[in-house]
Amino acid sequence: MNQTMQQPLHAELKFLADRSAPLVYVPSRGGGDQTEHVGNYRTHEVEIRDAREELPAPDLDGEGFMLLTHRSEVSDFYDDAQLRSTYHAELIELLQRVTGARRVEVFDDTRRSSSVSKQRQHGARDPANIVHNDYTHDSGPRRLEDFFSDSPDQASRLKQRRFAIVNAWRPIGEPVVDHPLVVCDARTVGDDDLVAVERRGADRTGELQVALHQPEQRWYYYPRMNRDEVLLFKTYDSALDGRTRFTPHSSCKDPRAPANAAPRESLETRCLLFF
């Protein structure tokens, strides 16, 4: 082993314990409140590997995620106007170039912080602390229909061809030392590991997936991600040809992080990709 290689992170992740209780996911609205998870959950200590060292070329259709260097012209990621005028166009160009998608539509920006004061200051949400995937076999198409609610004929046409939902996650503050985003190699996740759950949001009711823990699952993170990096991960794909469709992910407390580590601040942008 390379002597400079960072040792794997051993941290606790929260998984679904069993299917015995009703399952509801109530996301935080931002500003200091907390996400609510209704159901039976338990934490497992998981080995989370350094993807920079151990996974040099992951793929959205394989592992389900990939890291890219991407310097944005945005100076303040808390400025909605800059996201609309600059960042979304940057992401659309990046995603089309990387994936070959013929069309990309941005439909959501979510800011998160591990600092309650930052949450209150910016209306940010808390870091997701449960292993989940944002969409299911049924809710992926429904999200497309919701986006094109004013044009149902267009939605119907677009659903006839392959489409996917990809999340673009990037730090927007200091390099991430604690509460990193962690992602599971989708090739190590069995179909029965993912369980559909009602997502009861303020403006819509949808469906996501939570995960049961299995020792075969392989987890990764990118240490000290910074503002000039973006982590893409796939949360839905309509293709049924064997490529990755869902990528479980979460965040975790890094027990090695110093007590005075800067709070994690991040922006997650969700995009519809049409092929």
Protein backbone atom coordinates (compact mmCIF):
# COMPACT_ATOMS: atom_id res chain seq x y z
CA MET A 1 0.00 0.00 0.00
CA ASN A 2 1.16 3.53 -0.71
CA GLN A 3 2.46 4.85 2.60
CA THR A 4 0.90 8.28 1.93
CA MET A 5 -2.56 6.82 1.43
CA GLN A 6 -5.06 8.10 3.96
CA GLN A 7 -6.53 5.45 6.22
CA PRO A 8 -10.20 4.66 5.62
CA LEU A 9 -12.72 6.62 7.61
CA HIS A 10 -14.65 4.52 10.13
CA ALA A 11 -17.89 6.30 10.91
CA GLU A 12 -21.50 5.63 11.82
CA LEU A 13 -24.20 5.74 9.16
CA LYS A 14 -27.91 5.46 9.86
CA PHE A 15 -29.76 2.69 7.99
CA LEU A 16 -33.28 1.32 8.00
CA ALA A 17 -33.39 -1.42 10.64
CA ASP A 18 -36.42 -3.29 9.33
CA ARG A 19 -39.71 -2.84 7.52
CA SER A 20 -41.96 -3.38 10.55
CA ALA A 21 -43.00 0.24 11.15
CA PRO A 22 -44.69 2.79 8.86
CA LEU A 23 -42.05 4.75 6.96
CA VAL A 24 -42.23 8.50 6.37
CA TYR A 25 -39.45 10.97 5.57
CA VAL A 26 -40.23 14.59 6.50
CA PRO A 27 -37.45 16.85 5.16
CA SER A 28 -36.34 19.93 7.04
CA ARG A 29 -37.48 23.24 5.57
CA GLY A 30 -34.27 25.03 6.51
CA GLY A 31 -33.33 27.68 9.00
CA GLY A 32 -32.48 25.42 11.93
CA ASP A 33 -35.12 22.69 11.97
CA GLN A 34 -34.31 18.99 11.60
CA THR A 35 -35.34 16.28 9.17
CA GLU A 36 -37.73 13.73 10.69
CA HIS A 37 -37.45 10.00 9.98
CA VAL A 38 -40.50 7.92 10.95
CA GLY A 39 -39.66 4.21 11.19
CA ASN A 40 -37.15 1.88 12.78
CA TYR A 41 -33.54 2.89 12.09
CA ARG A 42 -30.19 1.91 13.52
CA THR A 43 -26.61 3.05 13.07
CA HIS A 44 -23.81 0.84 11.77
CA GLU A 45 -20.12 1.58 11.82
CA VAL A 46 -19.01 1.50 8.20
CA GLU A 47 -15.61 1.66 6.54
CA ILE A 48 -15.63 4.60 4.13
CA ARG A 49 -12.77 4.51 1.65
CA ASP A 50 -10.85 7.42 0.17
CA ALA A 51 -12.10 7.54 -3.43
CA ARG A 52 -9.27 9.85 -4.45
CA GLU A 53 -6.82 7.03 -3.78
CA GLU A 54 -8.83 3.86 -4.34
CA LEU A 55 -11.29 4.73 -7.12
CA PRO A 56 -9.49 6.82 -9.73
CA ALA A 57 -12.09 6.69 -12.52
CA PRO A 58 -15.63 5.97 -11.29
CA ASP A 59 -18.54 6.24 -13.71
CA LEU A 60 -22.15 7.41 -13.39
CA ASP A 61 -23.39 4.27 -15.15
CA GLY A 62 -21.20 2.00 -13.01
CA GLU A 63 -20.44 3.12 -9.46
CA GLY A 64 -23.07 5.84 -9.82
CA PHE A 65 -20.84 8.84 -9.06
CA MET A 66 -17.83 10.80 -10.29
CA LEU A 67 -15.76 13.76 -9.10
CA LEU A 68 -14.86 16.60 -11.46
CA THR A 69 -12.74 19.70 -11.17
CA HIS A 70 -15.07 22.58 -11.99
CA ARG A 71 -14.27 26.21 -11.28
CA SER A 72 -17.42 28.33 -11.25
CA GLU A 73 -17.71 32.04 -11.99
CA VAL A 74 -20.16 32.34 -9.09
CA SER A 75 -18.71 34.46 -6.27
CA ASP A 76 -21.48 33.82 -3.72
CA PHE A 77 -23.34 30.50 -3.79
CA TYR A 78 -25.90 31.89 -1.35
CA ASP A 79 -27.02 34.37 -4.01
CA ASP A 80 -30.02 32.89 -5.86
CA ALA A 81 -29.64 35.39 -8.70
CA GLN A 82 -26.10 34.19 -9.39
CA LEU A 83 -27.26 30.59 -9.43
CA ARG A 84 -29.94 31.41 -11.99
CA SER A 85 -27.81 33.71 -14.16
CA THR A 86 -24.50 31.83 -14.06
CA TYR A 87 -24.32 28.54 -12.19
CA HIS A 88 -27.17 26.68 -13.84
CA ALA A 89 -25.78 27.37 -17.31
CA GLU A 90 -22.35 26.19 -16.16
CA LEU A 91 -23.81 22.93 -14.88
CA ILE A 92 -25.87 22.35 -18.00
CA GLU A 93 -22.75 22.72 -20.16
CA LEU A 94 -20.75 20.43 -17.85
CA LEU A 95 -23.39 17.70 -17.71
CA GLN A 96 -23.98 17.70 -21.45
CA ARG A 97 -20.24 17.44 -22.07
CA VAL A 98 -19.64 14.68 -19.51
CA THR A 99 -22.73 12.54 -20.12
CA GLY A 100 -23.66 13.23 -23.72
CA ALA A 101 -27.17 14.29 -22.71
CA ARG A 102 -28.90 16.21 -25.49
CA ARG A 103 -30.85 18.33 -23.00
CA VAL A 104 -30.44 19.23 -19.29
CA GLU A 105 -32.93 21.02 -17.05
CA VAL A 106 -32.05 22.25 -13.54
CA PHE A 107 -34.98 21.95 -11.14
CA ASP A 108 -33.74 22.34 -7.57
CA ASP A 109 -30.99 23.91 -5.44
CA THR A 110 -30.55 22.80 -1.82
CA ARG A 111 -28.04 24.44 0.50
CA ARG A 112 -26.97 22.61 3.64
CA SER A 113 -24.75 23.36 6.60
CA SER A 114 -23.61 21.48 9.69
CA SER A 115 -23.76 24.78 11.61
CA VAL A 116 -27.14 25.69 13.07
CA SER A 117 -26.17 29.38 13.00
CA LYS A 118 -25.35 29.10 9.28
CA GLN A 119 -28.66 27.31 8.71
CA ARG A 120 -30.51 30.16 10.39
CA GLN A 121 -28.49 32.85 8.63
CA HIS A 122 -29.04 31.46 5.13
CA GLY A 123 -32.18 29.34 5.47
CA ALA A 124 -30.04 26.27 4.79
CA ARG A 125 -31.03 22.72 5.67
CA ASP A 126 -29.22 20.26 7.91
CA PRO A 127 -26.91 17.66 6.30
CA ALA A 128 -28.76 14.48 5.38
CA ASN A 129 -27.87 11.94 8.05
CA ILE A 130 -29.70 8.85 6.81
CA VAL A 131 -28.67 6.52 4.00
CA HIS A 132 -31.10 7.21 1.17
CA ASN A 133 -31.61 7.78 -2.54
CA ASP A 134 -33.74 10.69 -3.70
CA TYR A 135 -36.05 8.88 -6.14
CA THR A 136 -37.68 5.52 -6.78
CA HIS A 137 -38.81 3.68 -9.91
CA ASP A 138 -42.14 5.53 -9.63
CA SER A 139 -41.15 8.95 -8.30
CA GLY A 140 -38.51 9.64 -10.95
CA PRO A 141 -41.09 9.89 -13.76
CA ARG A 142 -43.42 11.82 -11.47
CA ARG A 143 -40.71 14.42 -10.92
CA LEU A 144 -40.39 14.86 -14.67
CA GLU A 145 -44.18 15.27 -14.94
CA ASP A 146 -44.17 17.85 -12.14
CA PHE A 147 -41.43 19.85 -13.86
CA PHE A 148 -43.39 19.92 -17.11
CA SER A 149 -46.80 20.32 -15.47
CA ASP A 150 -47.64 23.17 -17.84
CA SER A 151 -46.77 21.03 -20.85
CA PRO A 152 -48.03 17.46 -20.32
CA ASP A 153 -47.60 16.63 -24.00
CA GLN A 154 -43.91 17.49 -23.78
CA ALA A 155 -43.56 15.38 -20.63
CA SER A 156 -45.19 12.45 -22.39
CA ARG A 157 -42.80 12.76 -25.34
CA LEU A 158 -39.72 13.04 -23.14
CA LYS A 159 -40.67 9.92 -21.18
CA GLN A 160 -40.54 7.89 -24.38
CA ARG A 161 -36.75 8.13 -24.38
CA ARG A 162 -34.15 7.55 -21.70
CA PHE A 163 -33.85 10.22 -19.02
CA ALA A 164 -32.01 10.44 -15.72
CA ILE A 165 -31.75 12.60 -12.61
CA VAL A 166 -28.24 13.60 -11.54
CA ASN A 167 -27.32 15.57 -8.43
CA ALA A 168 -24.36 17.95 -8.52
CA TRP A 169 -22.89 18.47 -5.01
CA ARG A 170 -20.19 20.99 -4.18
CA PRO A 171 -18.77 22.72 -1.10
CA ILE A 172 -19.54 26.44 -0.96
CA GLY A 173 -17.48 27.37 2.09
CA GLU A 174 -14.18 26.09 3.44
CA PRO A 175 -12.83 22.70 2.29
CA VAL A 176 -14.94 19.95 3.87
CA VAL A 177 -13.20 18.44 6.89
CA ASP A 178 -16.25 17.12 8.76
CA HIS A 179 -19.71 15.87 7.72
CA PRO A 180 -18.56 14.87 4.21
CA LEU A 181 -20.92 13.51 1.60
CA VAL A 182 -20.49 9.73 1.42
CA VAL A 183 -21.65 7.61 -1.51
CA CYS A 184 -22.12 3.89 -1.98
CA ASP A 185 -20.75 2.02 -4.99
CA ALA A 186 -24.10 1.23 -6.64
CA ARG A 187 -22.71 -2.05 -7.98
CA THR A 188 -22.57 -3.36 -4.38
CA VAL A 189 -26.20 -2.54 -3.61
CA GLY A 190 -28.81 -5.27 -4.04
CA ASP A 191 -32.33 -4.56 -5.25
CA ASP A 192 -33.71 -5.64 -1.88
CA ASP A 193 -31.39 -3.23 -0.02
CA LEU A 194 -33.51 -0.21 -1.06
CA VAL A 195 -36.98 0.38 0.38
CA ALA A 196 -39.47 2.96 -0.90
CA VAL A 197 -40.57 5.56 1.66
CA GLU A 198 -43.10 8.38 1.49
CA ARG A 199 -41.42 11.78 1.34
CA ARG A 200 -43.79 14.29 2.91
CA GLY A 201 -42.52 17.73 1.91
CA ALA A 202 -44.07 21.13 2.45
CA ASP A 203 -45.08 21.58 -1.19
CA ARG A 204 -45.44 18.03 -2.46
CA THR A 205 -45.63 14.42 -1.36
CA GLY A 206 -43.27 12.12 -3.16
CA GLU A 207 -41.24 8.99 -2.62
CA LEU A 208 -37.61 8.18 -1.96
CA GLN A 209 -35.60 5.15 -0.93
CA VAL A 210 -33.91 4.30 2.34
CA ALA A 211 -31.34 1.54 2.63
CA LEU A 212 -30.87 -1.60 4.67
CA HIS A 213 -27.28 -2.24 5.72
CA GLN A 214 -25.36 -5.08 4.11
CA PRO A 215 -21.68 -5.85 4.75
CA GLU A 216 -21.07 -6.17 0.98
CA GLN A 217 -21.82 -2.49 0.40
CA ARG A 218 -18.70 -0.41 -0.35
CA TRP A 219 -18.68 3.21 0.75
CA TYR A 220 -16.52 6.11 -0.46
CA TYR A 221 -15.87 9.80 0.15
CA TYR A 222 -13.59 12.50 -1.23
CA PRO A 223 -11.52 14.04 1.59
CA ARG A 224 -11.30 17.82 1.77
CA MET A 225 -13.52 18.59 -1.18
CA ASN A 226 -13.36 22.28 -2.09
CA ARG A 227 -15.31 24.93 -4.00
CA ASP A 228 -13.59 24.06 -7.28
CA GLU A 229 -14.82 20.46 -7.23
CA VAL A 230 -18.24 19.01 -7.96
CA LEU A 231 -19.40 15.47 -7.17
CA LEU A 232 -22.00 14.11 -9.58
CA PHE A 233 -24.15 11.17 -8.53
CA LYS A 234 -27.13 9.56 -10.20
CA THR A 235 -30.38 9.27 -8.27
CA TYR A 236 -32.61 7.94 -11.08
CA ASP A 237 -32.30 6.43 -14.53
CA SER A 238 -35.20 5.23 -16.66
CA ALA A 239 -32.95 2.73 -18.49
CA LEU A 240 -33.45 -0.90 -17.52
CA ASP A 241 -30.40 -2.24 -19.36
CA GLY A 242 -28.19 -2.97 -16.34
CA ARG A 243 -26.60 0.44 -15.85
CA THR A 244 -26.81 2.09 -12.43
CA ARG A 245 -30.19 3.63 -11.63
CA PHE A 246 -29.91 4.61 -7.94
CA THR A 247 -26.96 5.74 -5.76
CA PRO A 248 -27.40 5.59 -1.96
CA HIS A 249 -25.69 8.44 -0.14
CA SER A 250 -25.57 10.22 3.21
CA SER A 251 -23.26 12.32 5.37
CA CYS A 252 -21.42 11.38 8.53
CA LYS A 253 -19.55 12.78 11.47
CA ASP A 254 -15.81 12.25 10.98
CA PRO A 255 -14.45 11.25 14.40
CA ARG A 256 -10.98 12.39 13.31
CA ALA A 257 -12.04 15.96 12.54
CA PRO A 258 -10.67 18.63 14.91
CA ALA A 259 -13.11 20.27 17.28
CA ASN A 260 -12.56 23.64 15.60
CA ALA A 261 -13.15 22.35 12.05
CA ALA A 262 -15.04 24.80 9.84
CA PRO A 263 -18.70 23.88 9.38
CA ARG A 264 -19.58 22.06 6.22
CA GLU A 265 -21.45 24.26 3.74
CA SER A 266 -22.68 22.72 0.51
CA LEU A 267 -24.96 23.20 -2.47
CA GLU A 268 -26.75 20.27 -4.11
CA THR A 269 -28.33 20.97 -7.50
CA ARG A 270 -30.69 18.43 -9.06
CA CYS A 271 -30.91 18.09 -12.82
CA LEU A 272 -33.01 16.22 -15.36
CA LEU A 273 -30.95 14.75 -18.19
CA PHE A 274 -32.51 13.70 -21.49
CA PHE A 275 -30.76 11.39 -23.95
